[in-house]
Amino acid sequence: MNKPSVLYHASPNRKIEIFEPRAEHVRDPLEGPVVFATPDIAYASCFIVESDDSWVQISGFNNVRVVVISDRTRFEREDQGGAIYELPSDTFVNEIRGGAKDEWTSREAVKPITKNVFDSGLDAMLKYAVQVYFVDQETFDHINIADDHGIAILRTLKSENQERNINVCELPKGDFNEK
């Protein structure tokens, strides 16, 4: 993959002036403190609202980003908006760990070039065509254990995008190349 000139990082914090490497959300304990970013603004938008994989699943099927949320009330409570920061890619490398090919990391502090502020993380996701699904816990659990990563189940559900008629994307049929 060619190195993009800019990368994106989303945060509920709208006032970040410099990103310092941290080890709070690690993919690999051997990786150490890093700053995460991605060349995919849609993928970045999925991280404006603080969550974890016990109730939110972030995935992708081919080029369609998907977020599945098992607790709408909790999500709405946590969604205080935030910002998507544009970062220079100079110090970033793309060390694929855990299949996360769109995650780039920097071991150095990074000063943002600019930011785009959102009053709602959900609105940011919808703007960038992330397909958002609010489901009950049982459906969420079935999606998480499905051999096809839940795509067959998702195809039977109505996304928030469809509910609001905002940037609706059809999930791919057949095989997909990312989770």
C-alpha atoms as a PDB file:
ATOM      1  CA  MET A   1       0.000   0.000   0.000  1.00  0.00           C
ATOM      2  CA  ASN A   2       1.321   3.435  -0.906  1.00  0.00           C
ATOM      3  CA  LYS A   3       1.728   5.815   1.995  1.00  0.00           C
ATOM      4  CA  PRO A   4      -1.052   8.426   1.969  1.00  0.00           C
ATOM      5  CA  SER A   5      -0.109  12.046   2.625  1.00  0.00           C
ATOM      6  CA  VAL A   6      -2.738  12.393   5.368  1.00  0.00           C
ATOM      7  CA  LEU A   7      -4.352  10.036   7.837  1.00  0.00           C
ATOM      8  CA  TYR A   8      -7.405  10.395  10.081  1.00  0.00           C
ATOM      9  CA  HIS A   9      -7.959   9.906  13.792  1.00  0.00           C
ATOM     10  CA  ALA A  10     -11.329  10.341  15.504  1.00  0.00           C
ATOM     11  CA  SER A  11     -11.899  11.151  19.149  1.00  0.00           C
ATOM     12  CA  PRO A  12     -14.711  12.323  21.407  1.00  0.00           C
ATOM     13  CA  ASN A  13     -12.181  14.962  22.534  1.00  0.00           C
ATOM     14  CA  ARG A  14     -12.539  18.036  20.317  1.00  0.00           C
ATOM     15  CA  LYS A  15      -9.568  19.869  21.851  1.00  0.00           C
ATOM     16  CA  ILE A  16      -6.532  17.713  21.081  1.00  0.00           C
ATOM     17  CA  GLU A  17      -3.550  19.850  20.100  1.00  0.00           C
ATOM     18  CA  ILE A  18      -1.007  17.037  19.916  1.00  0.00           C
ATOM     19  CA  PHE A  19      -1.430  13.269  19.870  1.00  0.00           C
ATOM     20  CA  GLU A  20       0.991  11.523  22.214  1.00  0.00           C
ATOM     21  CA  PRO A  21       1.748   7.806  21.798  1.00  0.00           C
ATOM     22  CA  ARG A  22      -0.234   5.758  24.319  1.00  0.00           C
ATOM     23  CA  ALA A  23      -0.745   2.106  25.155  1.00  0.00           C
ATOM     24  CA  GLU A  24      -4.363   2.362  26.315  1.00  0.00           C
ATOM     25  CA  HIS A  25      -5.923   0.538  23.343  1.00  0.00           C
ATOM     26  CA  VAL A  26      -3.406  -2.043  22.227  1.00  0.00           C
ATOM     27  CA  ARG A  27      -3.646  -4.512  19.362  1.00  0.00           C
ATOM     28  CA  ASP A  28      -0.514  -6.310  20.485  1.00  0.00           C
ATOM     29  CA  PRO A  29       1.185  -5.983  23.898  1.00  0.00           C
ATOM     30  CA  LEU A  30       4.581  -5.986  22.152  1.00  0.00           C
ATOM     31  CA  GLU A  31       3.639  -2.942  20.078  1.00  0.00           C
ATOM     32  CA  GLY A  32       4.006  -0.434  22.888  1.00  0.00           C
ATOM     33  CA  PRO A  33       2.665   3.134  22.960  1.00  0.00           C
ATOM     34  CA  VAL A  34       1.508   4.436  19.570  1.00  0.00           C
ATOM     35  CA  VAL A  35      -0.803   6.952  17.911  1.00  0.00           C
ATOM     36  CA  PHE A  36      -3.375   5.249  15.674  1.00  0.00           C
ATOM     37  CA  ALA A  37      -4.646   6.655  12.381  1.00  0.00           C
ATOM     38  CA  THR A  38      -6.189   5.433   9.132  1.00  0.00           C
ATOM     39  CA  PRO A  39      -6.364   6.609   5.527  1.00  0.00           C
ATOM     40  CA  ASP A  40     -10.107   5.762   5.592  1.00  0.00           C
ATOM     41  CA  ILE A  41     -12.161   8.630   7.026  1.00  0.00           C
ATOM     42  CA  ALA A  42     -15.237   6.386   7.240  1.00  0.00           C
ATOM     43  CA  TYR A  43     -13.301   3.917   9.389  1.00  0.00           C
ATOM     44  CA  ALA A  44     -12.002   6.763  11.551  1.00  0.00           C
ATOM     45  CA  SER A  45     -15.550   8.054  12.126  1.00  0.00           C
ATOM     46  CA  CYS A  46     -16.419   4.755  13.835  1.00  0.00           C
ATOM     47  CA  PHE A  47     -14.222   5.762  16.789  1.00  0.00           C
ATOM     48  CA  ILE A  48     -15.807   9.103  17.756  1.00  0.00           C
ATOM     49  CA  VAL A  49     -18.015   7.385  20.334  1.00  0.00           C
ATOM     50  CA  GLU A  50     -16.183   5.554  23.135  1.00  0.00           C
ATOM     51  CA  SER A  51     -17.096   1.868  23.040  1.00  0.00           C
ATOM     52  CA  ASP A  52     -15.649  -1.616  23.247  1.00  0.00           C
ATOM     53  CA  ASP A  53     -16.309  -4.886  21.500  1.00  0.00           C
ATOM     54  CA  SER A  54     -18.628  -6.130  24.247  1.00  0.00           C
ATOM     55  CA  TRP A  55     -21.430  -4.007  22.768  1.00  0.00           C
ATOM     56  CA  VAL A  56     -20.139  -2.483  19.505  1.00  0.00           C
ATOM     57  CA  GLN A  57     -18.674  -4.316  16.521  1.00  0.00           C
ATOM     58  CA  ILE A  58     -16.784  -2.380  13.846  1.00  0.00           C
ATOM     59  CA  SER A  59     -16.159  -4.246  10.627  1.00  0.00           C
ATOM     60  CA  GLY A  60     -16.053  -3.968   6.892  1.00  0.00           C
ATOM     61  CA  PHE A  61     -17.191  -6.041   3.982  1.00  0.00           C
ATOM     62  CA  ASN A  62     -15.185  -5.189   0.881  1.00  0.00           C
ATOM     63  CA  ASN A  63     -15.363  -1.386   0.873  1.00  0.00           C
ATOM     64  CA  VAL A  64     -18.492  -1.043   3.032  1.00  0.00           C
ATOM     65  CA  ARG A  65     -17.841  -0.052   6.662  1.00  0.00           C
ATOM     66  CA  VAL A  66     -20.313  -1.447   9.197  1.00  0.00           C
ATOM     67  CA  VAL A  67     -20.987  -0.712  12.862  1.00  0.00           C
ATOM     68  CA  VAL A  68     -23.284  -3.009  14.846  1.00  0.00           C
ATOM     69  CA  ILE A  69     -24.498  -1.677  18.203  1.00  0.00           C
ATOM     70  CA  SER A  70     -26.262  -3.855  20.767  1.00  0.00           C
ATOM     71  CA  ASP A  71     -27.362  -1.088  23.130  1.00  0.00           C
ATOM     72  CA  ARG A  72     -28.908   1.959  21.477  1.00  0.00           C
ATOM     73  CA  THR A  73     -29.616   3.691  24.782  1.00  0.00           C
ATOM     74  CA  ARG A  74     -26.008   3.349  25.913  1.00  0.00           C
ATOM     75  CA  PHE A  75     -24.749   4.493  22.509  1.00  0.00           C
ATOM     76  CA  GLU A  76     -26.961   7.592  22.586  1.00  0.00           C
ATOM     77  CA  ARG A  77     -25.772   8.365  26.115  1.00  0.00           C
ATOM     78  CA  GLU A  78     -22.102   7.966  25.106  1.00  0.00           C
ATOM     79  CA  ASP A  79     -22.481   9.917  21.851  1.00  0.00           C
ATOM     80  CA  GLN A  80     -21.393  13.426  22.747  1.00  0.00           C
ATOM     81  CA  GLY A  81     -19.912  14.094  19.324  1.00  0.00           C
ATOM     82  CA  GLY A  82     -16.239  14.742  18.791  1.00  0.00           C
ATOM     83  CA  ALA A  83     -13.765  15.428  16.021  1.00  0.00           C
ATOM     84  CA  ILE A  84     -12.054  13.720  13.132  1.00  0.00           C
ATOM     85  CA  TYR A  85      -8.477  14.956  12.968  1.00  0.00           C
ATOM     86  CA  GLU A  86      -6.379  15.079   9.820  1.00  0.00           C
ATOM     87  CA  LEU A  87      -2.796  14.067  10.599  1.00  0.00           C
ATOM     88  CA  PRO A  88       0.395  14.258   8.536  1.00  0.00           C
ATOM     89  CA  SER A  89       1.563  10.741   7.707  1.00  0.00           C
ATOM     90  CA  ASP A  90       5.326  11.460   7.980  1.00  0.00           C
ATOM     91  CA  THR A  91       5.963   9.403  11.131  1.00  0.00           C
ATOM     92  CA  PHE A  92       3.359   6.684  10.529  1.00  0.00           C
ATOM     93  CA  VAL A  93       3.992   3.108   9.435  1.00  0.00           C
ATOM     94  CA  ASN A  94       1.569   0.397   8.382  1.00  0.00           C
ATOM     95  CA  GLU A  95       2.493  -2.642  10.458  1.00  0.00           C
ATOM     96  CA  ILE A  96      -0.406  -5.004   9.920  1.00  0.00           C
ATOM     97  CA  ARG A  97      -1.349  -6.653  13.194  1.00  0.00           C
ATOM     98  CA  GLY A  98      -4.464  -8.699  13.793  1.00  0.00           C
ATOM     99  CA  GLY A  99      -5.612  -8.181  10.211  1.00  0.00           C
ATOM    100  CA  ALA A 100      -6.002  -4.423  10.662  1.00  0.00           C
ATOM    101  CA  LYS A 101      -4.582  -3.354   7.306  1.00  0.00           C
ATOM    102  CA  ASP A 102      -6.108   0.136   7.498  1.00  0.00           C
ATOM    103  CA  GLU A 103      -4.488   1.005  10.831  1.00  0.00           C
ATOM    104  CA  TRP A 104      -1.293   3.031  10.747  1.00  0.00           C
ATOM    105  CA  THR A 105       0.783   3.836  13.831  1.00  0.00           C
ATOM    106  CA  SER A 106       3.287   6.436  14.924  1.00  0.00           C
ATOM    107  CA  ARG A 107       5.669   6.078  17.858  1.00  0.00           C
ATOM    108  CA  GLU A 108       6.167   9.848  17.836  1.00  0.00           C
ATOM    109  CA  ALA A 109       3.864  12.665  18.907  1.00  0.00           C
ATOM    110  CA  VAL A 110       1.768  14.042  16.047  1.00  0.00           C
ATOM    111  CA  LYS A 111       0.318  17.529  15.654  1.00  0.00           C
ATOM    112  CA  PRO A 112      -2.995  17.601  13.736  1.00  0.00           C
ATOM    113  CA  ILE A 113      -3.227  19.561  10.496  1.00  0.00           C
ATOM    114  CA  THR A 114      -6.919  20.290  10.967  1.00  0.00           C
ATOM    115  CA  LYS A 115     -10.080  18.814  12.459  1.00  0.00           C
ATOM    116  CA  ASN A 116     -13.710  18.387  11.517  1.00  0.00           C
ATOM    117  CA  VAL A 117     -16.030  18.746  14.530  1.00  0.00           C
ATOM    118  CA  PHE A 118     -19.290  16.800  14.880  1.00  0.00           C
ATOM    119  CA  ASP A 119     -22.082  17.260  17.397  1.00  0.00           C
ATOM    120  CA  SER A 120     -22.947  13.574  16.971  1.00  0.00           C
ATOM    121  CA  GLY A 121     -20.757  10.563  16.294  1.00  0.00           C
ATOM    122  CA  LEU A 122     -23.716   8.836  14.660  1.00  0.00           C
ATOM    123  CA  ASP A 123     -24.118  11.765  12.261  1.00  0.00           C
ATOM    124  CA  ALA A 124     -20.405  11.531  11.398  1.00  0.00           C
ATOM    125  CA  MET A 125     -20.694   7.821  10.644  1.00  0.00           C
ATOM    126  CA  LEU A 126     -23.761   8.365   8.481  1.00  0.00           C
ATOM    127  CA  LYS A 127     -22.056  11.231   6.640  1.00  0.00           C
ATOM    128  CA  TYR A 128     -19.194   8.933   5.662  1.00  0.00           C
ATOM    129  CA  ALA A 129     -21.550   6.084   4.625  1.00  0.00           C
ATOM    130  CA  VAL A 130     -20.789   3.758   7.537  1.00  0.00           C
ATOM    131  CA  GLN A 131     -23.752   1.377   7.658  1.00  0.00           C
ATOM    132  CA  VAL A 132     -25.000   1.499  11.266  1.00  0.00           C
ATOM    133  CA  TYR A 133     -27.166  -1.269  12.723  1.00  0.00           C
ATOM    134  CA  PHE A 134     -28.867  -1.068  16.108  1.00  0.00           C
ATOM    135  CA  VAL A 135     -29.720  -4.613  17.218  1.00  0.00           C
ATOM    136  CA  ASP A 136     -30.740  -6.473  20.359  1.00  0.00           C
ATOM    137  CA  GLN A 137     -28.149  -8.408  22.385  1.00  0.00           C
ATOM    138  CA  GLU A 138     -29.184 -11.792  20.981  1.00  0.00           C
ATOM    139  CA  THR A 139     -28.747 -10.622  17.376  1.00  0.00           C
ATOM    140  CA  PHE A 140     -25.422  -9.004  18.297  1.00  0.00           C
ATOM    141  CA  ASP A 141     -24.199 -12.285  19.788  1.00  0.00           C
ATOM    142  CA  HIS A 142     -25.288 -14.236  16.686  1.00  0.00           C
ATOM    143  CA  ILE A 143     -23.456 -11.775  14.433  1.00  0.00           C
ATOM    144  CA  ASN A 144     -20.284 -12.109  16.531  1.00  0.00           C
ATOM    145  CA  ILE A 145     -20.186 -15.911  16.334  1.00  0.00           C
ATOM    146  CA  ALA A 146     -21.335 -16.285  12.724  1.00  0.00           C
ATOM    147  CA  ASP A 147     -18.909 -18.021  10.369  1.00  0.00           C
ATOM    148  CA  ASP A 148     -19.471 -15.274   7.785  1.00  0.00           C
ATOM    149  CA  HIS A 149     -18.875 -12.518  10.382  1.00  0.00           C
ATOM    150  CA  GLY A 150     -22.605 -11.795  10.394  1.00  0.00           C
ATOM    151  CA  ILE A 151     -23.061 -10.539   6.832  1.00  0.00           C
ATOM    152  CA  ALA A 152     -25.979 -12.911   6.147  1.00  0.00           C
ATOM    153  CA  ILE A 153     -27.760 -11.648   9.272  1.00  0.00           C
ATOM    154  CA  LEU A 154     -27.001  -8.006   8.452  1.00  0.00           C
ATOM    155  CA  ARG A 155     -28.504  -8.422   4.975  1.00  0.00           C
ATOM    156  CA  THR A 156     -31.847  -9.203   6.660  1.00  0.00           C
ATOM    157  CA  LEU A 157     -31.777  -6.069   8.857  1.00  0.00           C
ATOM    158  CA  LYS A 158     -32.595  -2.437   8.201  1.00  0.00           C
ATOM    159  CA  SER A 159     -29.708  -0.059   8.867  1.00  0.00           C
ATOM    160  CA  GLU A 160     -29.996   3.370  10.438  1.00  0.00           C
ATOM    161  CA  ASN A 161     -28.907   4.668   7.030  1.00  0.00           C
ATOM    162  CA  GLN A 162     -32.000   3.072   5.468  1.00  0.00           C
ATOM    163  CA  GLU A 163     -34.220   4.390   8.278  1.00  0.00           C
ATOM    164  CA  ARG A 164     -33.006   7.941   7.608  1.00  0.00           C
ATOM    165  CA  ASN A 165     -32.294   7.509   3.883  1.00  0.00           C
ATOM    166  CA  ILE A 166     -28.697   8.732   4.314  1.00  0.00           C
ATOM    167  CA  ASN A 167     -25.793   7.244   2.335  1.00  0.00           C
ATOM    168  CA  VAL A 168     -27.296   3.779   2.070  1.00  0.00           C
ATOM    169  CA  CYS A 169     -24.819   1.170   0.787  1.00  0.00           C
ATOM    170  CA  GLU A 170     -25.759  -2.349  -0.168  1.00  0.00           C
ATOM    171  CA  LEU A 171     -23.735  -5.019   1.576  1.00  0.00           C
ATOM    172  CA  PRO A 172     -21.764  -7.061  -0.947  1.00  0.00           C
ATOM    173  CA  LYS A 173     -23.044 -10.416  -2.047  1.00  0.00           C
ATOM    174  CA  GLY A 174     -20.780 -13.441  -1.969  1.00  0.00           C
ATOM    175  CA  ASP A 175     -17.290 -13.247  -0.552  1.00  0.00           C
ATOM    176  CA  PHE A 176     -15.854 -10.243   1.245  1.00  0.00           C
ATOM    177  CA  ASN A 177     -12.238  -9.346   1.875  1.00  0.00           C
ATOM    178  CA  GLU A 178     -12.125  -7.723   5.287  1.00  0.00           C
ATOM    179  CA  LYS A 179     -13.719  -7.813   8.676  1.00  0.00           C
END
